[in-house]
Amino acid sequence: MNIEIYRENSLCIVRPAGRIDLATLDEFESSLRGLIETAPAQLLVDMGRVTFLAGAGLGVLLATAMTLKGHAGYMGVFGVSGPVREVFAVSGFASVLDLHPDELSARGEVH
């Protein structure tokens, strides 16, 4: 897995690529936790290049969203497609996390 991070003032965009599974989960979680600790108020996660998402990865996304919400922040997810979209739908997380079809739509929710 590879993770690219872009910062724009109080907005961070995270672009993981590859598999988010038990072998890469710690790296993914550490990256998101590190961003929260540096206090971005707004976080967008681009899932467009993620080829596999384990259930534990959903847990990391949910925990990150809840942490940001607790600090008056925001986390949106965009670019979810194929098998990864199915994981979101089957797990029910599609209705829990703020999903957007693309980056432009997700940016529209950033305050």
Protein backbone atom coordinates (compact mmCIF):
# COMPACT_ATOMS: atom_id res chain seq x y z
CA MET A 1 0.00 0.00 0.00
CA ASN A 2 1.10 3.53 -0.76
CA ILE A 3 -0.38 6.64 0.88
CA GLU A 4 -0.13 10.14 -0.57
CA ILE A 5 -1.13 13.09 1.60
CA TYR A 6 -1.94 16.58 0.33
CA ARG A 7 -2.46 19.56 2.63
CA GLU A 8 -4.40 22.72 1.81
CA ASN A 9 -4.74 24.96 4.86
CA SER A 10 -7.11 23.12 7.23
CA LEU A 11 -7.92 20.41 4.63
CA CYS A 12 -5.99 17.17 4.17
CA ILE A 13 -6.63 14.77 1.31
CA VAL A 14 -5.42 11.22 1.84
CA ARG A 15 -4.97 9.00 -1.21
CA PRO A 16 -4.22 5.39 -0.26
CA ALA A 17 -3.46 2.97 -3.09
CA GLY A 18 -3.46 -0.82 -3.10
CA ARG A 19 -4.78 -3.13 -0.41
CA ILE A 20 -5.92 -2.06 3.05
CA ASP A 21 -5.72 -5.37 4.84
CA LEU A 22 -4.20 -6.80 8.01
CA ALA A 23 -0.69 -6.42 6.57
CA THR A 24 -1.14 -2.69 5.85
CA LEU A 25 -3.72 -1.69 8.45
CA ASP A 26 -1.23 -0.31 10.97
CA GLU A 27 0.33 1.97 8.35
CA PHE A 28 -3.09 3.24 7.27
CA GLU A 29 -4.24 3.83 10.85
CA SER A 30 -0.97 5.54 11.83
CA SER A 31 -1.18 7.87 8.85
CA LEU A 32 -4.73 8.96 9.69
CA ARG A 33 -3.97 9.27 13.41
CA GLY A 34 -0.89 11.37 12.63
CA LEU A 35 -2.99 13.75 10.55
CA ILE A 36 -5.53 14.16 13.35
CA GLU A 37 -2.74 14.92 15.81
CA THR A 38 -1.47 17.71 13.55
CA ALA A 39 -4.98 19.17 13.75
CA PRO A 40 -6.48 19.27 10.28
CA ALA A 41 -10.10 20.26 10.74
CA GLN A 42 -11.19 18.66 7.46
CA LEU A 43 -10.11 15.30 6.05
CA LEU A 44 -11.03 13.74 2.71
CA VAL A 45 -10.07 10.15 1.89
CA ASP A 46 -9.82 9.20 -1.78
CA MET A 47 -10.55 5.47 -2.06
CA GLY A 48 -10.31 5.44 -5.87
CA ARG A 49 -7.02 3.50 -5.97
CA VAL A 50 -7.83 1.07 -3.15
CA THR A 51 -8.15 -2.44 -4.57
CA PHE A 52 -9.19 -4.25 -1.38
CA LEU A 53 -10.59 -3.06 1.94
CA ALA A 54 -10.72 -5.35 4.97
CA GLY A 55 -13.39 -4.83 7.61
CA ALA A 56 -10.76 -3.53 10.01
CA GLY A 57 -10.03 -0.75 7.51
CA LEU A 58 -13.67 0.32 7.76
CA GLY A 59 -13.23 0.47 11.51
CA VAL A 60 -10.24 2.79 11.10
CA LEU A 61 -12.26 5.08 8.83
CA LEU A 62 -15.18 5.15 11.27
CA ALA A 63 -12.94 5.84 14.29
CA THR A 64 -11.22 8.66 12.39
CA ALA A 65 -14.55 10.21 11.36
CA MET A 66 -15.87 10.02 14.93
CA THR A 67 -12.70 11.56 16.36
CA LEU A 68 -12.85 14.47 13.92
CA LYS A 69 -16.56 14.97 14.53
CA GLY A 70 -15.89 15.09 18.26
CA HIS A 71 -13.50 17.99 17.61
CA ALA A 72 -15.90 19.86 15.29
CA GLY A 73 -14.07 18.52 12.24
CA TYR A 74 -15.23 16.65 9.16
CA MET A 75 -14.22 13.54 7.25
CA GLY A 76 -15.56 12.60 3.84
CA VAL A 77 -14.77 9.61 1.65
CA PHE A 78 -14.88 9.69 -2.14
CA GLY A 79 -13.97 7.62 -5.17
CA VAL A 80 -15.29 4.35 -3.76
CA SER A 81 -15.93 1.85 -6.56
CA GLY A 82 -16.05 -1.82 -7.47
CA PRO A 83 -15.40 -4.40 -4.76
CA VAL A 84 -14.54 -1.69 -2.23
CA ARG A 85 -17.96 -0.07 -2.75
CA GLU A 86 -19.52 -3.48 -2.15
CA VAL A 87 -17.69 -3.75 1.19
CA PHE A 88 -19.13 -0.37 2.21
CA ALA A 89 -22.65 -1.39 1.12
CA VAL A 90 -22.71 -4.88 2.67
CA SER A 91 -21.28 -3.64 5.98
CA GLY A 92 -23.76 -0.76 6.25
CA PHE A 93 -20.93 1.77 6.42
CA ALA A 94 -22.21 3.47 3.26
CA SER A 95 -24.95 4.98 5.41
CA VAL A 96 -22.67 5.78 8.36
CA LEU A 97 -19.74 7.48 6.65
CA ASP A 98 -20.11 10.55 4.45
CA LEU A 99 -19.55 9.09 0.96
CA HIS A 100 -19.22 11.17 -2.19
CA PRO A 101 -18.90 10.07 -5.82
CA ASP A 102 -15.91 12.32 -6.53
CA GLU A 103 -13.51 14.86 -5.07
CA LEU A 104 -15.48 17.89 -6.24
CA SER A 105 -18.58 16.68 -4.42
CA ALA A 106 -16.57 15.91 -1.28
CA ARG A 107 -14.92 19.33 -1.34
CA GLY A 108 -18.41 20.86 -1.41
CA GLU A 109 -18.96 19.59 2.15
CA VAL A 110 -15.76 21.14 3.51
CA HIS A 111 -16.36 24.28 5.53
